[in-house]
Each structure stands twice: as C-alpha cells, then as structure tokens.
C-alpha cells in the first residue's frame, strides 16, 4: 500500500513538472513571437519612412 502511494505521489509530481515546463515553454514562445512581430513592425516603419523622404526631396 505504501509503495503504491509513493508511486502515485511521484507520478503526480512528474505530471505537474511536465505541465509546468510546457506552460513555461508556451509563454516563452508567445513572448518571443510578440518581440519578433514588434521588431518587424519597427523595421518596416523605418524602411517605409526612408523612401517617402526620397520621394519628397525629388
């Protein structure tokens, strides 16, 4: 009986750690995607701004 409880406890702990790590990986992926999107937006804004300045000067 005691062995069974220990095994259940260990399995529960493993499962908990697995979901915790999975959740953390998902959060990290979302943050990285947001950061990439923001960087791309800033790059496109700066690259679009330059040709407009050239057009105005001509």
PDB file of N, CA and C in Angstrom:
ATOM      1  N   UNK A   1       0.831  -1.198   0.000  1.00  0.00           N
ATOM      2  CA  UNK A   1       0.000   0.000   0.000  1.00  0.00           C
ATOM      3  C   UNK A   1       0.871   1.256   0.000  1.00  0.00           C
ATOM      4  N   UNK A   2       1.864   1.276   0.844  1.00  0.00           N
ATOM      5  CA  UNK A   2       2.726   2.454   0.930  1.00  0.00           C
ATOM      6  C   UNK A   2       3.488   2.689  -0.374  1.00  0.00           C
ATOM      7  N   UNK A   3       3.933   1.602  -1.000  1.00  0.00           N
ATOM      8  CA  UNK A   3       4.653   1.728  -2.269  1.00  0.00           C
ATOM      9  C   UNK A   3       3.758   2.333  -3.334  1.00  0.00           C
ATOM     10  N   UNK A   4       2.531   1.906  -3.327  1.00  0.00           N
ATOM     11  CA  UNK A   4       1.574   2.405  -4.311  1.00  0.00           C
ATOM     12  C   UNK A   4       1.360   3.911  -4.142  1.00  0.00           C
ATOM     13  N   UNK A   5       1.218   4.348  -2.916  1.00  0.00           N
ATOM     14  CA  UNK A   5       1.032   5.777  -2.643  1.00  0.00           C
ATOM     15  C   UNK A   5       2.253   6.582  -3.060  1.00  0.00           C
ATOM     16  N   UNK A   6       3.440   6.039  -2.766  1.00  0.00           N
ATOM     17  CA  UNK A   6       4.668   6.722  -3.169  1.00  0.00           C
ATOM     18  C   UNK A   6       4.734   6.858  -4.686  1.00  0.00           C
ATOM     19  N   UNK A   7       4.370   5.783  -5.366  1.00  0.00           N
ATOM     20  CA  UNK A   7       4.377   5.802  -6.836  1.00  0.00           C
ATOM     21  C   UNK A   7       3.390   6.837  -7.364  1.00  0.00           C
ATOM     22  N   UNK A   8       2.198   6.870  -6.794  1.00  0.00           N
ATOM     23  CA  UNK A   8       1.196   7.855  -7.222  1.00  0.00           C
ATOM     24  C   UNK A   8       1.705   9.271  -6.998  1.00  0.00           C
ATOM     25  N   UNK A   9       2.328   9.466  -5.839  1.00  0.00           N
ATOM     26  CA  UNK A   9       2.852  10.786  -5.500  1.00  0.00           C
ATOM     27  C   UNK A   9       3.936  11.207  -6.501  1.00  0.00           C
ATOM     28  N   UNK A  10       4.809  10.260  -6.819  1.00  0.00           N
ATOM     29  CA  UNK A  10       5.881  10.538  -7.769  1.00  0.00           C
ATOM     30  C   UNK A  10       5.318  10.853  -9.153  1.00  0.00           C
ATOM     31  N   UNK A  11       4.349  10.080  -9.579  1.00  0.00           N
ATOM     32  CA  UNK A  11       3.732  10.312 -10.885  1.00  0.00           C
ATOM     33  C   UNK A  11       3.046  11.669 -10.930  1.00  0.00           C
ATOM     34  N   UNK A  12       2.348  12.000  -9.855  1.00  0.00           N
ATOM     35  CA  UNK A  12       1.679  13.296  -9.773  1.00  0.00           C
ATOM     36  C   UNK A  12       2.699  14.426  -9.894  1.00  0.00           C
ATOM     37  N   UNK A  13       3.821  14.270  -9.190  1.00  0.00           N
ATOM     38  CA  UNK A  13       4.873  15.287  -9.208  1.00  0.00           C
ATOM     39  C   UNK A  13       5.459  15.436 -10.616  1.00  0.00           C
ATOM     40  N   UNK A  14       5.706  14.287 -11.264  1.00  0.00           N
ATOM     41  CA  UNK A  14       6.241  14.328 -12.635  1.00  0.00           C
ATOM     42  C   UNK A  14       5.274  15.027 -13.581  1.00  0.00           C
ATOM     43  N   UNK A  15       4.014  14.656 -13.447  1.00  0.00           N
ATOM     44  CA  UNK A  15       2.993  15.244 -14.302  1.00  0.00           C
ATOM     45  C   UNK A  15       2.938  16.757 -14.098  1.00  0.00           C
ATOM     46  N   UNK A  16       2.992  17.157 -12.840  1.00  0.00           N
ATOM     47  CA  UNK A  16       2.949  18.581 -12.504  1.00  0.00           C
ATOM     48  C   UNK A  16       4.140  19.311 -13.129  1.00  0.00           C
ATOM     49  N   UNK A  17       5.327  18.722 -12.993  1.00  0.00           N
ATOM     50  CA  UNK A  17       6.535  19.345 -13.558  1.00  0.00           C
ATOM     51  C   UNK A  17       6.435  19.440 -15.069  1.00  0.00           C
ATOM     52  N   UNK A  18       5.892  18.371 -15.695  1.00  0.00           N
ATOM     53  CA  UNK A  18       5.737  18.357 -17.147  1.00  0.00           C
ATOM     54  C   UNK A  18       4.843  19.507 -17.605  1.00  0.00           C
ATOM     55  N   UNK A  19       3.688  19.661 -16.976  1.00  0.00           N
ATOM     56  CA  UNK A  19       2.754  20.715 -17.372  1.00  0.00           C
ATOM     57  C   UNK A  19       3.312  22.094 -17.060  1.00  0.00           C
ATOM     58  N   UNK A  20       4.048  22.197 -15.955  1.00  0.00           N
ATOM     59  CA  UNK A  20       4.658  23.476 -15.600  1.00  0.00           C
ATOM     60  C   UNK A  20       5.675  23.893 -16.662  1.00  0.00           C
ATOM     61  N   UNK A  21       6.534  22.944 -17.068  1.00  0.00           N
ATOM     62  CA  UNK A  21       7.523  23.229 -18.107  1.00  0.00           C
ATOM     63  C   UNK A  21       6.847  23.547 -19.433  1.00  0.00           C
ATOM     64  N   UNK A  22       5.803  22.789 -19.749  1.00  0.00           N
ATOM     65  CA  UNK A  22       5.085  23.001 -21.014  1.00  0.00           C
ATOM     66  C   UNK A  22       4.466  24.393 -21.046  1.00  0.00           C
ATOM     67  N   UNK A  23       3.850  24.762 -19.943  1.00  0.00           N
ATOM     68  CA  UNK A  23       3.227  26.084 -19.845  1.00  0.00           C
ATOM     69  C   UNK A  23       4.285  27.181 -19.999  1.00  0.00           C
ATOM     70  N   UNK A  24       5.433  26.986 -19.371  1.00  0.00           N
ATOM     71  CA  UNK A  24       6.517  27.956 -19.440  1.00  0.00           C
ATOM     72  C   UNK A  24       7.045  28.089 -20.878  1.00  0.00           C
ATOM     73  N   UNK A  25       7.177  26.947 -21.565  1.00  0.00           N
ATOM     74  CA  UNK A  25       7.646  26.983 -22.959  1.00  0.00           C
ATOM     75  C   UNK A  25       6.665  27.737 -23.846  1.00  0.00           C
ATOM     76  N   UNK A  26       5.375  27.512 -23.612  1.00  0.00           N
ATOM     77  CA  UNK A  26       4.347  28.200 -24.404  1.00  0.00           C
ATOM     78  C   UNK A  26       4.408  29.695 -24.153  1.00  0.00           C
ATOM     79  N   UNK A  27       4.523  30.091 -22.879  1.00  0.00           N
ATOM     80  CA  UNK A  27       4.618  31.512 -22.541  1.00  0.00           C
ATOM     81  C   UNK A  27       5.829  32.145 -23.219  1.00  0.00           C
ATOM     82  N   UNK A  28       6.961  31.437 -23.153  1.00  0.00           N
ATOM     83  CA  UNK A  28       8.194  31.947 -23.745  1.00  0.00           C
ATOM     84  C   UNK A  28       8.039  32.105 -25.257  1.00  0.00           C
ATOM     85  N   UNK A  29       7.413  31.148 -25.902  1.00  0.00           N
ATOM     86  CA  UNK A  29       7.211  31.208 -27.347  1.00  0.00           C
ATOM     87  C   UNK A  29       6.325  32.396 -27.716  1.00  0.00           C
ATOM     88  N   UNK A  30       5.300  32.645 -26.917  1.00  0.00           N
ATOM     89  CA  UNK A  30       4.402  33.776 -27.178  1.00  0.00           C
ATOM     90  C   UNK A  30       5.158  35.087 -27.035  1.00  0.00           C
ATOM     91  N   UNK A  31       5.960  35.205 -25.983  1.00  0.00           N
ATOM     92  CA  UNK A  31       6.735  36.426 -25.769  1.00  0.00           C
ATOM     93  C   UNK A  31       7.722  36.662 -26.910  1.00  0.00           C
ATOM     94  N   UNK A  32       8.396  35.600 -27.355  1.00  0.00           N
ATOM     95  CA  UNK A  32       9.341  35.731 -28.454  1.00  0.00           C
ATOM     96  C   UNK A  32       8.632  36.133 -29.744  1.00  0.00           C
ATOM     97  N   UNK A  33       7.461  35.572 -29.992  1.00  0.00           N
ATOM     98  CA  UNK A  33       6.694  35.916 -31.194  1.00  0.00           C
ATOM     99  C   UNK A  33       6.274  37.384 -31.154  1.00  0.00           C
ATOM    100  N   UNK A  34       5.826  37.853 -29.992  1.00  0.00           N
ATOM    101  CA  UNK A  34       5.451  39.257 -29.854  1.00  0.00           C
ATOM    102  C   UNK A  34       6.647  40.162 -30.117  1.00  0.00           C
ATOM    103  N   UNK A  35       7.794  39.786 -29.573  1.00  0.00           N
ATOM    104  CA  UNK A  35       9.009  40.572 -29.748  1.00  0.00           C
ATOM    105  C   UNK A  35       9.398  40.626 -31.222  1.00  0.00           C
ATOM    106  N   UNK A  36       9.363  39.474 -31.902  1.00  0.00           N
ATOM    107  CA  UNK A  36       9.689  39.430 -33.342  1.00  0.00           C
ATOM    108  C   UNK A  36       8.731  40.309 -34.134  1.00  0.00           C
ATOM    109  N   UNK A  37       7.456  40.217 -33.801  1.00  0.00           N
ATOM    110  CA  UNK A  37       6.445  40.994 -34.511  1.00  0.00           C
ATOM    111  C   UNK A  37       6.695  42.483 -34.325  1.00  0.00           C
ATOM    112  N   UNK A  38       7.019  42.887 -33.112  1.00  0.00           N
ATOM    113  CA  UNK A  38       7.303  44.276 -32.814  1.00  0.00           C
ATOM    114  C   UNK A  38       8.541  44.757 -33.569  1.00  0.00           C
ATOM    115  N   UNK A  39       9.592  43.927 -33.584  1.00  0.00           N
ATOM    116  CA  UNK A  39      10.809  44.288 -34.307  1.00  0.00           C
ATOM    117  C   UNK A  39      10.542  44.428 -35.797  1.00  0.00           C
ATOM    118  N   UNK A  40       9.758  43.505 -36.349  1.00  0.00           N
ATOM    119  CA  UNK A  40       9.431  43.581 -37.777  1.00  0.00           C
ATOM    120  C   UNK A  40       8.634  44.834 -38.077  1.00  0.00           C
ATOM    121  N   UNK A  41       7.729  45.181 -37.185  1.00  0.00           N
ATOM    122  CA  UNK A  41       6.914  46.375 -37.364  1.00  0.00           C
ATOM    123  C   UNK A  41       7.792  47.627 -37.352  1.00  0.00           C
ATOM    124  N   UNK A  42       8.740  47.672 -36.419  1.00  0.00           N
ATOM    125  CA  UNK A  42       9.651  48.810 -36.332  1.00  0.00           C
ATOM    126  C   UNK A  42      10.544  48.886 -37.560  1.00  0.00           C
ATOM    127  N   UNK A  43      11.050  47.752 -38.026  1.00  0.00           N
ATOM    128  CA  UNK A  43      11.899  47.736 -39.209  1.00  0.00           C
ATOM    129  C   UNK A  43      11.127  48.190 -40.442  1.00  0.00           C
ATOM    130  N   UNK A  44       9.899  47.726 -40.588  1.00  0.00           N
ATOM    131  CA  UNK A  44       9.107  48.117 -41.755  1.00  0.00           C
ATOM    132  C   UNK A  44       8.755  49.605 -41.680  1.00  0.00           C
ATOM    133  N   UNK A  45       8.540  50.115 -40.486  1.00  0.00           N
ATOM    134  CA  UNK A  45       8.234  51.541 -40.329  1.00  0.00           C
ATOM    135  C   UNK A  45       9.442  52.388 -40.707  1.00  0.00           C
ATOM    136  N   UNK A  46      10.626  51.974 -40.318  1.00  0.00           N
ATOM    137  CA  UNK A  46      11.823  52.737 -40.648  1.00  0.00           C
ATOM    138  C   UNK A  46      12.162  52.596 -42.129  1.00  0.00           C
ATOM    139  N   UNK A  47      11.976  51.412 -42.704  1.00  0.00           N
ATOM    140  CA  UNK A  47      12.292  51.229 -44.122  1.00  0.00           C
ATOM    141  C   UNK A  47      11.259  51.927 -45.012  1.00  0.00           C
ATOM    142  N   UNK A  48      10.015  52.008 -44.565  1.00  0.00           N
ATOM    143  CA  UNK A  48       8.997  52.725 -45.336  1.00  0.00           C
ATOM    144  C   UNK A  48       9.190  54.227 -45.227  1.00  0.00           C
ATOM    145  N   UNK A  49       9.688  54.671 -44.116  1.00  0.00           N
ATOM    146  CA  UNK A  49       9.899  56.101 -43.907  1.00  0.00           C
ATOM    147  C   UNK A  49      10.986  56.657 -44.802  1.00  0.00           C
ATOM    148  N   UNK A  50      12.006  55.908 -45.118  1.00  0.00           N
ATOM    149  CA  UNK A  50      13.113  56.381 -45.930  1.00  0.00           C
ATOM    150  C   UNK A  50      12.717  56.667 -47.372  1.00  0.00           C
ATOM    151  N   UNK A  51      12.026  55.774 -48.080  1.00  0.00           N
ATOM    152  CA  UNK A  51      11.649  56.094 -49.468  1.00  0.00           C
ATOM    153  C   UNK A  51      10.739  57.315 -49.556  1.00  0.00           C
ATOM    154  N   UNK A  52       9.884  57.506 -48.574  1.00  0.00           N
ATOM    155  CA  UNK A  52       8.997  58.677 -48.595  1.00  0.00           C
ATOM    156  C   UNK A  52       9.825  59.954 -48.557  1.00  0.00           C
ATOM    157  N   UNK A  53      10.870  59.967 -47.753  1.00  0.00           N
ATOM    158  CA  UNK A  53      11.738  61.138 -47.667  1.00  0.00           C
ATOM    159  C   UNK A  53      12.427  61.375 -49.002  1.00  0.00           C
ATOM    160  N   UNK A  54      12.803  60.317 -49.712  1.00  0.00           N
ATOM    161  CA  UNK A  54      13.446  60.453 -51.016  1.00  0.00           C
ATOM    162  C   UNK A  54      12.454  60.993 -52.031  1.00  0.00           C
ATOM    163  N   UNK A  55      11.228  60.527 -51.988  1.00  0.00           N
ATOM    164  CA  UNK A  55      10.212  60.990 -52.919  1.00  0.00           C
ATOM    165  C   UNK A  55       9.929  62.466 -52.706  1.00  0.00           C
ATOM    166  N   UNK A  56       9.845  62.893 -51.476  1.00  0.00           N
ATOM    167  CA  UNK A  56       9.579  64.291 -51.152  1.00  0.00           C
ATOM    168  C   UNK A  56      10.716  65.171 -51.650  1.00  0.00           C
ATOM    169  N   UNK A  57      11.957  64.713 -51.518  1.00  0.00           N
ATOM    170  CA  UNK A  57      13.105  65.527 -51.925  1.00  0.00           C
ATOM    171  C   UNK A  57      13.196  65.660 -53.448  1.00  0.00           C
ATOM    172  N   UNK A  58      12.637  64.747 -54.204  1.00  0.00           N
ATOM    173  CA  UNK A  58      12.700  64.822 -55.677  1.00  0.00           C
ATOM    174  C   UNK A  58      11.638  65.725 -56.155  1.00  0.00           C
TER     175      UNK A  58
END
